[in-house]
Amino acid sequence: GAAPAQYNDLLYFCVGVRAQFGSVDVVLRGSAVGCALDTQEAIGAANGGDQTASGKDNPGPHRYLRTLIRTGAAIWVDEADLAGSPDTAVLDGVAVADTDALAARWHEYREVWFL
């Protein structure tokens, strides 16, 4: 099915952080990796443009991910969590990385938040 609507608010928050502070990078882990799967586009088109189960008034996670990518945010998905998905094709601009490699970069950031 479509990516869970529960992640829309968090991704919207990240768009706001990016706009206010000029910088944010995002790592999607666990079930959140589904937000970055390219197959969600096909599901949305098949449902008349709805990308989530909640309907047309919900813009879906792809909109927020694309906004973040367009404004220069780096978006990664955890490789191990992505391996559990039936399809592993991700949206353009989303990178796949190993959990350990991502954690090794935390020192490059002033703050790391877990949402």
N, C-alpha and C. Protein backbone atom coordinates (compact mmCIF):
# COMPACT_ATOMS: atom_id res chain seq x y z
N GLY A 1 0.82 -1.20 0.00
CA GLY A 1 0.00 0.00 0.00
C GLY A 1 0.85 1.25 0.00
N ALA A 2 0.20 2.38 0.09
CA ALA A 2 0.88 3.67 0.08
C ALA A 2 1.67 3.86 1.37
N ALA A 3 2.63 4.76 1.31
CA ALA A 3 3.44 5.06 2.49
C ALA A 3 2.53 5.56 3.61
N PRO A 4 2.82 5.19 4.85
CA PRO A 4 1.96 5.58 5.96
C PRO A 4 1.83 7.10 6.11
N ALA A 5 0.60 7.56 6.27
CA ALA A 5 0.34 8.98 6.43
C ALA A 5 0.97 9.54 7.70
N GLN A 6 1.29 8.68 8.65
CA GLN A 6 1.85 9.13 9.91
C GLN A 6 3.17 9.87 9.74
N TYR A 7 3.87 9.66 8.63
CA TYR A 7 5.16 10.32 8.42
C TYR A 7 5.01 11.70 7.79
N ASN A 8 3.85 12.03 7.28
CA ASN A 8 3.66 13.33 6.64
C ASN A 8 4.01 14.48 7.57
N ASP A 9 3.52 14.44 8.81
CA ASP A 9 3.78 15.52 9.75
C ASP A 9 5.27 15.68 10.03
N LEU A 10 5.97 14.57 10.19
CA LEU A 10 7.41 14.65 10.46
C LEU A 10 8.18 15.21 9.27
N LEU A 11 7.80 14.79 8.07
CA LEU A 11 8.47 15.32 6.89
C LEU A 11 8.13 16.80 6.68
N TYR A 12 6.90 17.18 6.96
CA TYR A 12 6.51 18.58 6.90
C TYR A 12 7.33 19.40 7.90
N PHE A 13 7.52 18.86 9.10
CA PHE A 13 8.35 19.50 10.11
C PHE A 13 9.77 19.72 9.57
N CYS A 14 10.32 18.72 8.89
CA CYS A 14 11.67 18.84 8.34
C CYS A 14 11.75 19.92 7.28
N VAL A 15 10.69 20.07 6.47
CA VAL A 15 10.64 21.16 5.49
C VAL A 15 10.69 22.50 6.21
N GLY A 16 9.95 22.62 7.31
CA GLY A 16 9.96 23.86 8.10
C GLY A 16 11.30 24.14 8.72
N VAL A 17 11.96 23.12 9.24
CA VAL A 17 13.29 23.29 9.83
C VAL A 17 14.26 23.76 8.75
N ARG A 18 14.17 23.17 7.59
CA ARG A 18 15.04 23.55 6.47
C ARG A 18 14.82 25.02 6.11
N ALA A 19 13.56 25.43 6.06
CA ALA A 19 13.24 26.82 5.69
C ALA A 19 13.72 27.81 6.75
N GLN A 20 13.59 27.45 8.02
CA GLN A 20 13.97 28.38 9.10
C GLN A 20 15.47 28.41 9.36
N PHE A 21 16.10 27.27 9.33
CA PHE A 21 17.50 27.20 9.73
C PHE A 21 18.47 26.98 8.58
N GLY A 22 17.94 26.75 7.38
CA GLY A 22 18.78 26.63 6.19
C GLY A 22 19.44 25.29 5.99
N SER A 23 19.22 24.37 6.90
CA SER A 23 19.90 23.09 6.73
C SER A 23 19.17 21.99 7.48
N VAL A 24 19.02 20.87 6.83
CA VAL A 24 18.52 19.66 7.46
C VAL A 24 18.78 18.51 6.49
N ASP A 25 19.23 17.41 7.01
CA ASP A 25 19.37 16.18 6.25
C ASP A 25 18.50 15.14 6.95
N VAL A 26 18.00 14.17 6.20
CA VAL A 26 17.05 13.20 6.75
C VAL A 26 17.51 11.78 6.44
N VAL A 27 17.43 10.93 7.45
CA VAL A 27 17.65 9.50 7.27
C VAL A 27 16.33 8.81 7.61
N LEU A 28 15.82 8.03 6.67
CA LEU A 28 14.60 7.27 6.90
C LEU A 28 14.98 5.85 7.29
N ARG A 29 14.40 5.40 8.41
CA ARG A 29 14.70 4.05 8.92
C ARG A 29 13.40 3.35 9.23
N GLY A 30 13.48 2.06 9.43
CA GLY A 30 12.30 1.27 9.77
C GLY A 30 11.25 1.38 8.68
N SER A 31 9.98 1.43 9.09
CA SER A 31 8.90 1.50 8.10
C SER A 31 8.88 2.83 7.35
N ALA A 32 9.59 3.83 7.84
CA ALA A 32 9.64 5.13 7.16
C ALA A 32 10.34 5.04 5.80
N VAL A 33 11.14 4.00 5.56
CA VAL A 33 11.79 3.87 4.25
C VAL A 33 10.74 3.77 3.15
N GLY A 34 9.54 3.29 3.48
CA GLY A 34 8.46 3.21 2.49
C GLY A 34 8.09 4.54 1.90
N CYS A 35 8.37 5.63 2.62
CA CYS A 35 8.07 6.97 2.11
C CYS A 35 8.91 7.31 0.89
N ALA A 36 10.06 6.71 0.76
CA ALA A 36 10.99 7.03 -0.32
C ALA A 36 10.93 6.04 -1.48
N LEU A 37 10.07 5.03 -1.39
CA LEU A 37 10.00 4.05 -2.47
C LEU A 37 9.34 4.64 -3.70
N ASP A 38 9.96 4.44 -4.84
CA ASP A 38 9.45 4.96 -6.09
C ASP A 38 8.12 4.30 -6.47
N THR A 39 7.85 3.12 -5.99
CA THR A 39 6.61 2.41 -6.32
C THR A 39 5.39 3.14 -5.78
N GLN A 40 5.55 3.98 -4.79
CA GLN A 40 4.42 4.72 -4.24
C GLN A 40 3.82 5.64 -5.30
N GLU A 41 4.62 6.13 -6.24
CA GLU A 41 4.12 6.98 -7.31
C GLU A 41 3.08 6.23 -8.14
N ALA A 42 3.41 5.00 -8.49
CA ALA A 42 2.49 4.20 -9.29
C ALA A 42 1.20 3.91 -8.53
N ILE A 43 1.31 3.66 -7.25
CA ILE A 43 0.14 3.41 -6.43
C ILE A 43 -0.73 4.65 -6.38
N GLY A 44 -0.10 5.84 -6.22
CA GLY A 44 -0.85 7.08 -6.19
C GLY A 44 -1.58 7.34 -7.50
N ALA A 45 -0.91 7.08 -8.61
CA ALA A 45 -1.55 7.29 -9.91
C ALA A 45 -2.74 6.35 -10.10
N ALA A 46 -2.60 5.13 -9.63
CA ALA A 46 -3.69 4.16 -9.75
C ALA A 46 -4.89 4.55 -8.89
N ASN A 47 -4.65 5.34 -7.85
CA ASN A 47 -5.73 5.76 -6.96
C ASN A 47 -6.19 7.18 -7.27
N GLY A 48 -6.06 7.61 -8.51
CA GLY A 48 -6.53 8.93 -8.90
C GLY A 48 -5.69 10.06 -8.35
N GLY A 49 -4.43 9.81 -8.07
CA GLY A 49 -3.53 10.84 -7.57
C GLY A 49 -3.33 10.81 -6.07
N ASP A 50 -4.15 10.04 -5.35
CA ASP A 50 -3.98 9.94 -3.90
C ASP A 50 -2.76 9.08 -3.61
N GLN A 51 -1.83 9.62 -2.81
CA GLN A 51 -0.63 8.86 -2.50
C GLN A 51 -0.70 8.23 -1.12
N THR A 52 -1.75 8.49 -0.40
CA THR A 52 -1.91 7.86 0.91
C THR A 52 -3.35 7.41 1.04
N ALA A 53 -3.60 6.57 2.00
CA ALA A 53 -4.94 6.04 2.20
C ALA A 53 -5.91 7.10 2.69
N SER A 54 -5.43 8.25 3.16
CA SER A 54 -6.31 9.23 3.77
C SER A 54 -6.99 10.16 2.77
N GLY A 55 -6.60 10.13 1.51
CA GLY A 55 -7.34 10.89 0.51
C GLY A 55 -6.59 12.05 -0.10
N LYS A 56 -7.29 12.80 -0.96
CA LYS A 56 -6.68 13.86 -1.75
C LYS A 56 -6.20 15.05 -0.93
N ASP A 57 -6.78 15.27 0.25
CA ASP A 57 -6.37 16.42 1.05
C ASP A 57 -5.01 16.19 1.73
N ASN A 58 -4.47 15.01 1.62
CA ASN A 58 -3.19 14.67 2.21
C ASN A 58 -2.15 14.63 1.09
N PRO A 59 -1.17 15.55 1.07
CA PRO A 59 -0.23 15.62 -0.04
C PRO A 59 0.72 14.44 -0.14
N GLY A 60 0.87 13.65 0.88
CA GLY A 60 1.74 12.49 0.83
C GLY A 60 3.19 12.81 1.06
N PRO A 61 3.94 11.82 1.46
CA PRO A 61 5.34 12.04 1.80
C PRO A 61 6.22 12.41 0.61
N HIS A 62 5.86 11.98 -0.60
CA HIS A 62 6.70 12.30 -1.75
C HIS A 62 6.82 13.80 -1.96
N ARG A 63 5.75 14.52 -1.74
CA ARG A 63 5.78 15.98 -1.92
C ARG A 63 6.82 16.60 -1.00
N TYR A 64 6.82 16.19 0.26
CA TYR A 64 7.76 16.76 1.22
C TYR A 64 9.19 16.31 0.94
N LEU A 65 9.37 15.06 0.55
CA LEU A 65 10.71 14.59 0.22
C LEU A 65 11.26 15.34 -0.99
N ARG A 66 10.44 15.54 -1.99
CA ARG A 66 10.90 16.28 -3.18
C ARG A 66 11.24 17.73 -2.84
N THR A 67 10.45 18.34 -1.96
CA THR A 67 10.76 19.71 -1.53
C THR A 67 12.11 19.75 -0.84
N LEU A 68 12.35 18.80 0.06
CA LEU A 68 13.63 18.76 0.76
C LEU A 68 14.79 18.55 -0.21
N ILE A 69 14.63 17.64 -1.14
CA ILE A 69 15.69 17.37 -2.12
C ILE A 69 15.94 18.61 -2.97
N ARG A 70 14.87 19.24 -3.45
CA ARG A 70 14.99 20.43 -4.30
C ARG A 70 15.70 21.57 -3.58
N THR A 71 15.54 21.66 -2.26
CA THR A 71 16.15 22.74 -1.51
C THR A 71 17.53 22.38 -0.95
N GLY A 72 18.04 21.23 -1.34
CA GLY A 72 19.41 20.89 -0.99
C GLY A 72 19.61 19.94 0.17
N ALA A 73 18.54 19.43 0.74
CA ALA A 73 18.69 18.47 1.84
C ALA A 73 19.13 17.12 1.29
N ALA A 74 19.96 16.45 2.04
CA ALA A 74 20.34 15.09 1.69
C ALA A 74 19.32 14.14 2.32
N ILE A 75 18.82 13.20 1.54
CA ILE A 75 17.86 12.21 2.03
C ILE A 75 18.47 10.84 1.84
N TRP A 76 18.56 10.10 2.93
CA TRP A 76 19.08 8.73 2.88
C TRP A 76 18.03 7.76 3.40
N VAL A 77 18.09 6.53 2.92
CA VAL A 77 17.33 5.45 3.52
C VAL A 77 18.32 4.41 4.01
N ASP A 78 17.97 3.81 5.13
CA ASP A 78 18.81 2.77 5.72
C ASP A 78 18.74 1.51 4.86
N GLU A 79 19.89 1.06 4.42
CA GLU A 79 19.98 -0.08 3.51
C GLU A 79 19.36 -1.35 4.09
N ALA A 80 19.62 -1.62 5.35
CA ALA A 80 19.09 -2.84 5.98
C ALA A 80 17.57 -2.80 6.06
N ASP A 81 17.00 -1.65 6.37
CA ASP A 81 15.55 -1.53 6.45
C ASP A 81 14.91 -1.57 5.07
N LEU A 82 15.59 -1.03 4.09
CA LEU A 82 15.10 -1.06 2.72
C LEU A 82 15.08 -2.49 2.18
N ALA A 83 16.02 -3.31 2.63
CA ALA A 83 16.09 -4.69 2.17
C ALA A 83 14.83 -5.47 2.51
N GLY A 84 14.09 -5.05 3.52
CA GLY A 84 12.86 -5.74 3.89
C GLY A 84 11.67 -5.35 3.03
N SER A 85 11.84 -4.37 2.13
CA SER A 85 10.74 -3.93 1.27
C SER A 85 10.67 -4.81 0.03
N PRO A 86 9.46 -5.03 -0.49
CA PRO A 86 9.34 -5.87 -1.69
C PRO A 86 9.99 -5.24 -2.91
N ASP A 87 10.02 -3.92 -2.97
CA ASP A 87 10.66 -3.20 -4.07
C ASP A 87 11.63 -2.21 -3.45
N THR A 88 12.84 -2.16 -3.96
CA THR A 88 13.86 -1.31 -3.34
C THR A 88 14.23 -0.10 -4.19
N ALA A 89 13.43 0.20 -5.22
CA ALA A 89 13.69 1.39 -6.04
C ALA A 89 13.24 2.62 -5.26
N VAL A 90 14.16 3.58 -5.10
CA VAL A 90 13.85 4.80 -4.35
C VAL A 90 13.69 5.98 -5.30
N LEU A 91 13.06 7.04 -4.80
CA LEU A 91 12.88 8.26 -5.58
C LEU A 91 14.22 8.84 -6.00
N ASP A 92 14.24 9.55 -7.12
CA ASP A 92 15.45 10.25 -7.55
C ASP A 92 15.86 11.23 -6.48
N GLY A 93 17.14 11.25 -6.16
CA GLY A 93 17.66 12.17 -5.15
C GLY A 93 17.77 11.55 -3.78
N VAL A 94 17.28 10.33 -3.61
CA VAL A 94 17.38 9.63 -2.34
C VAL A 94 18.53 8.63 -2.43
N ALA A 95 19.40 8.64 -1.44
CA ALA A 95 20.55 7.75 -1.42
C ALA A 95 20.31 6.61 -0.43
N VAL A 96 20.90 5.48 -0.71
CA VAL A 96 20.82 4.31 0.17
C VAL A 96 22.18 4.16 0.84
N ALA A 97 22.18 3.98 2.16
CA ALA A 97 23.45 3.86 2.88
C ALA A 97 23.34 2.84 4.00
N ASP A 98 24.45 2.30 4.37
CA ASP A 98 24.58 1.35 5.47
C ASP A 98 24.41 2.07 6.80
N THR A 99 23.76 1.43 7.75
CA THR A 99 23.51 2.01 9.07
C THR A 99 24.80 2.50 9.73
N ASP A 100 25.83 1.68 9.70
CA ASP A 100 27.10 2.05 10.34
C ASP A 100 27.75 3.26 9.66
N ALA A 101 27.65 3.32 8.33
CA ALA A 101 28.22 4.46 7.61
C ALA A 101 27.47 5.75 7.96
N LEU A 102 26.17 5.65 8.13
CA LEU A 102 25.40 6.84 8.51
C LEU A 102 25.77 7.29 9.91
N ALA A 103 25.85 6.37 10.84
CA ALA A 103 26.20 6.71 12.23
C ALA A 103 27.61 7.29 12.32
N ALA A 104 28.50 6.84 11.48
CA ALA A 104 29.88 7.33 11.50
C ALA A 104 29.96 8.81 11.09
N ARG A 105 28.91 9.35 10.46
CA ARG A 105 28.90 10.75 10.02
C ARG A 105 28.26 11.68 11.04
N TRP A 106 27.72 11.17 12.12
CA TRP A 106 27.01 12.02 13.08
C TRP A 106 27.87 13.14 13.61
N HIS A 107 29.17 12.92 13.73
CA HIS A 107 30.05 13.97 14.27
C HIS A 107 30.11 15.19 13.35
N GLU A 108 29.68 15.07 12.10
CA GLU A 108 29.68 16.18 11.16
C GLU A 108 28.54 17.17 11.42
N TYR A 109 27.60 16.76 12.26
CA TYR A 109 26.41 17.57 12.51
C TYR A 109 26.45 18.19 13.90
N ARG A 110 25.92 19.41 13.99
CA ARG A 110 25.82 20.08 15.29
C ARG A 110 24.82 19.36 16.19
N GLU A 111 23.74 18.88 15.60
CA GLU A 111 22.72 18.16 16.35
C GLU A 111 22.22 16.99 15.52
N VAL A 112 21.84 15.92 16.20
CA VAL A 112 21.20 14.77 15.55
C VAL A 112 19.94 14.49 16.33
N TRP A 113 18.79 14.51 15.63
CA TRP A 113 17.50 14.28 16.27
C TRP A 113 16.94 12.96 15.81
N PHE A 114 16.27 12.27 16.70
CA PHE A 114 15.56 11.04 16.38
C PHE A 114 14.08 11.31 16.54
N LEU A 115 13.34 11.30 15.45
CA LEU A 115 11.91 11.61 15.50
C LEU A 115 11.11 10.38 15.13
